[in-house]
Amino acid sequence: MITKSFCEVFIKNYSTTIRVAIALDLIKRYGLTQFQAAKLTKIPQPLINYVLREKRKIRGLERIVNNPEIYKAIRETADEIIQGKPIDMCEICMRIRPHLNIRVT
């Protein structure tokens, strides 16, 4: 039997959630527009709008923003994005991986 890798599980369950959390942080702390935050995080702008207007819930978003260690990594990533540093999901994963309880089966 071939099991899924940690990366597969992380991307499926957390990629969009992490991107939305970063976009929301960029909007909140840096005053970016939804369009600017969407462009920087590579997610659709309407998704950010739906989340902000509470018309759509993102699975796991509350868990991400309410975990101090994970949210610290989100904020640090947002800071780096504002500074123009390119970030990939592998870097973000390595930062928050110790704070996630992902079971690979």
Protein backbone atom coordinates (compact mmCIF):
# COMPACT_ATOMS: atom_id res chain seq x y z
CA MET A 1 0.00 0.00 0.00
CA ILE A 2 1.28 3.49 -0.85
CA THR A 3 0.56 6.08 1.80
CA LYS A 4 0.25 9.79 1.29
CA SER A 5 3.23 11.96 2.12
CA PHE A 6 3.11 14.76 4.65
CA CYS A 7 3.35 17.23 1.76
CA GLU A 8 0.27 15.82 0.04
CA VAL A 9 -1.78 16.02 3.22
CA PHE A 10 -0.50 19.52 4.04
CA ILE A 11 -1.28 20.92 0.60
CA LYS A 12 -4.73 19.35 0.45
CA ASN A 13 -5.76 20.45 3.94
CA TYR A 14 -3.84 23.65 4.61
CA SER A 15 -2.63 25.39 1.44
CA THR A 16 -5.71 27.55 0.87
CA THR A 17 -6.20 28.11 4.59
CA ILE A 18 -2.63 29.38 5.02
CA ARG A 19 -2.91 31.61 1.95
CA VAL A 20 -6.19 33.12 3.22
CA ALA A 21 -4.70 33.70 6.68
CA ILE A 22 -1.72 35.51 5.15
CA ALA A 23 -3.99 37.58 2.88
CA LEU A 24 -6.16 38.61 5.84
CA ASP A 25 -3.06 39.58 7.79
CA LEU A 26 -1.78 41.66 4.88
CA ILE A 27 -5.11 43.47 4.70
CA LYS A 28 -5.34 44.01 8.45
CA ARG A 29 -1.78 45.06 9.25
CA TYR A 30 -0.64 46.66 6.01
CA GLY A 31 -3.89 48.08 4.67
CA LEU A 32 -3.65 46.24 1.38
CA THR A 33 -6.72 45.95 -0.78
CA GLN A 34 -8.33 42.57 -1.29
CA PHE A 35 -7.02 42.57 -4.84
CA GLN A 36 -3.42 43.29 -3.74
CA ALA A 37 -3.53 40.62 -1.02
CA ALA A 38 -5.05 38.09 -3.44
CA LYS A 39 -2.36 38.77 -6.01
CA LEU A 40 0.45 38.35 -3.46
CA THR A 41 -0.98 35.11 -2.03
CA LYS A 42 -2.16 33.64 -5.35
CA ILE A 43 -5.78 33.15 -4.32
CA PRO A 44 -8.92 34.56 -5.96
CA GLN A 45 -9.97 37.99 -4.69
CA PRO A 46 -13.64 36.94 -4.39
CA LEU A 47 -12.58 34.25 -1.91
CA ILE A 48 -11.09 36.91 0.37
CA ASN A 49 -14.24 38.98 0.00
CA TYR A 50 -16.46 36.03 0.92
CA VAL A 51 -14.36 35.29 4.00
CA LEU A 52 -14.35 38.93 5.13
CA ARG A 53 -18.12 39.20 4.62
CA GLU A 54 -18.57 35.85 6.42
CA LYS A 55 -20.28 34.33 3.40
CA ARG A 56 -17.74 31.52 3.29
CA LYS A 57 -15.88 29.71 6.01
CA ILE A 58 -12.45 28.28 5.39
CA ARG A 59 -11.90 24.93 7.04
CA GLY A 60 -9.21 25.23 9.71
CA LEU A 61 -8.83 29.02 9.52
CA GLU A 62 -9.82 29.59 13.15
CA ARG A 63 -7.42 26.87 14.23
CA ILE A 64 -4.59 28.56 12.33
CA VAL A 65 -5.19 32.10 13.57
CA ASN A 66 -5.87 30.99 17.15
CA ASN A 67 -2.63 29.02 17.46
CA PRO A 68 0.02 31.52 18.62
CA GLU A 69 2.96 29.66 17.08
CA ILE A 70 1.29 29.19 13.73
CA TYR A 71 -0.05 32.75 13.65
CA LYS A 72 3.43 34.06 14.43
CA ALA A 73 4.70 32.22 11.35
CA ILE A 74 1.81 33.66 9.31
CA ARG A 75 2.73 37.19 10.41
CA GLU A 76 6.42 36.64 9.68
CA THR A 77 5.55 35.34 6.24
CA ALA A 78 3.32 38.36 5.58
CA ASP A 79 6.19 40.64 6.65
CA GLU A 80 8.54 38.93 4.21
CA ILE A 81 6.02 39.12 1.38
CA ILE A 82 5.63 42.87 1.97
CA GLN A 83 9.40 43.21 1.77
CA GLY A 84 9.28 41.54 -1.64
CA LYS A 85 10.79 38.20 -0.64
CA PRO A 86 9.43 35.27 -2.66
CA ILE A 87 8.06 32.57 -0.37
CA ASP A 88 6.98 29.07 -1.32
CA MET A 89 4.66 26.72 0.50
CA CYS A 90 7.57 24.49 1.51
CA GLU A 91 9.04 27.31 3.58
CA ILE A 92 5.71 28.00 5.23
CA CYS A 93 5.18 24.31 5.89
CA MET A 94 8.58 23.97 7.54
CA ARG A 95 7.75 26.89 9.83
CA ILE A 96 4.41 25.58 11.01
CA ARG A 97 4.85 21.83 10.68
CA PRO A 98 5.93 21.33 14.30
CA HIS A 99 2.69 22.96 15.46
CA LEU A 100 0.30 20.89 13.32
CA ASN A 101 -1.10 17.51 14.19
CA ILE A 102 -1.22 15.90 10.78
CA ARG A 103 -1.55 12.16 10.58
CA VAL A 104 -0.28 10.58 7.43
CA THR A 105 -2.01 7.34 6.47
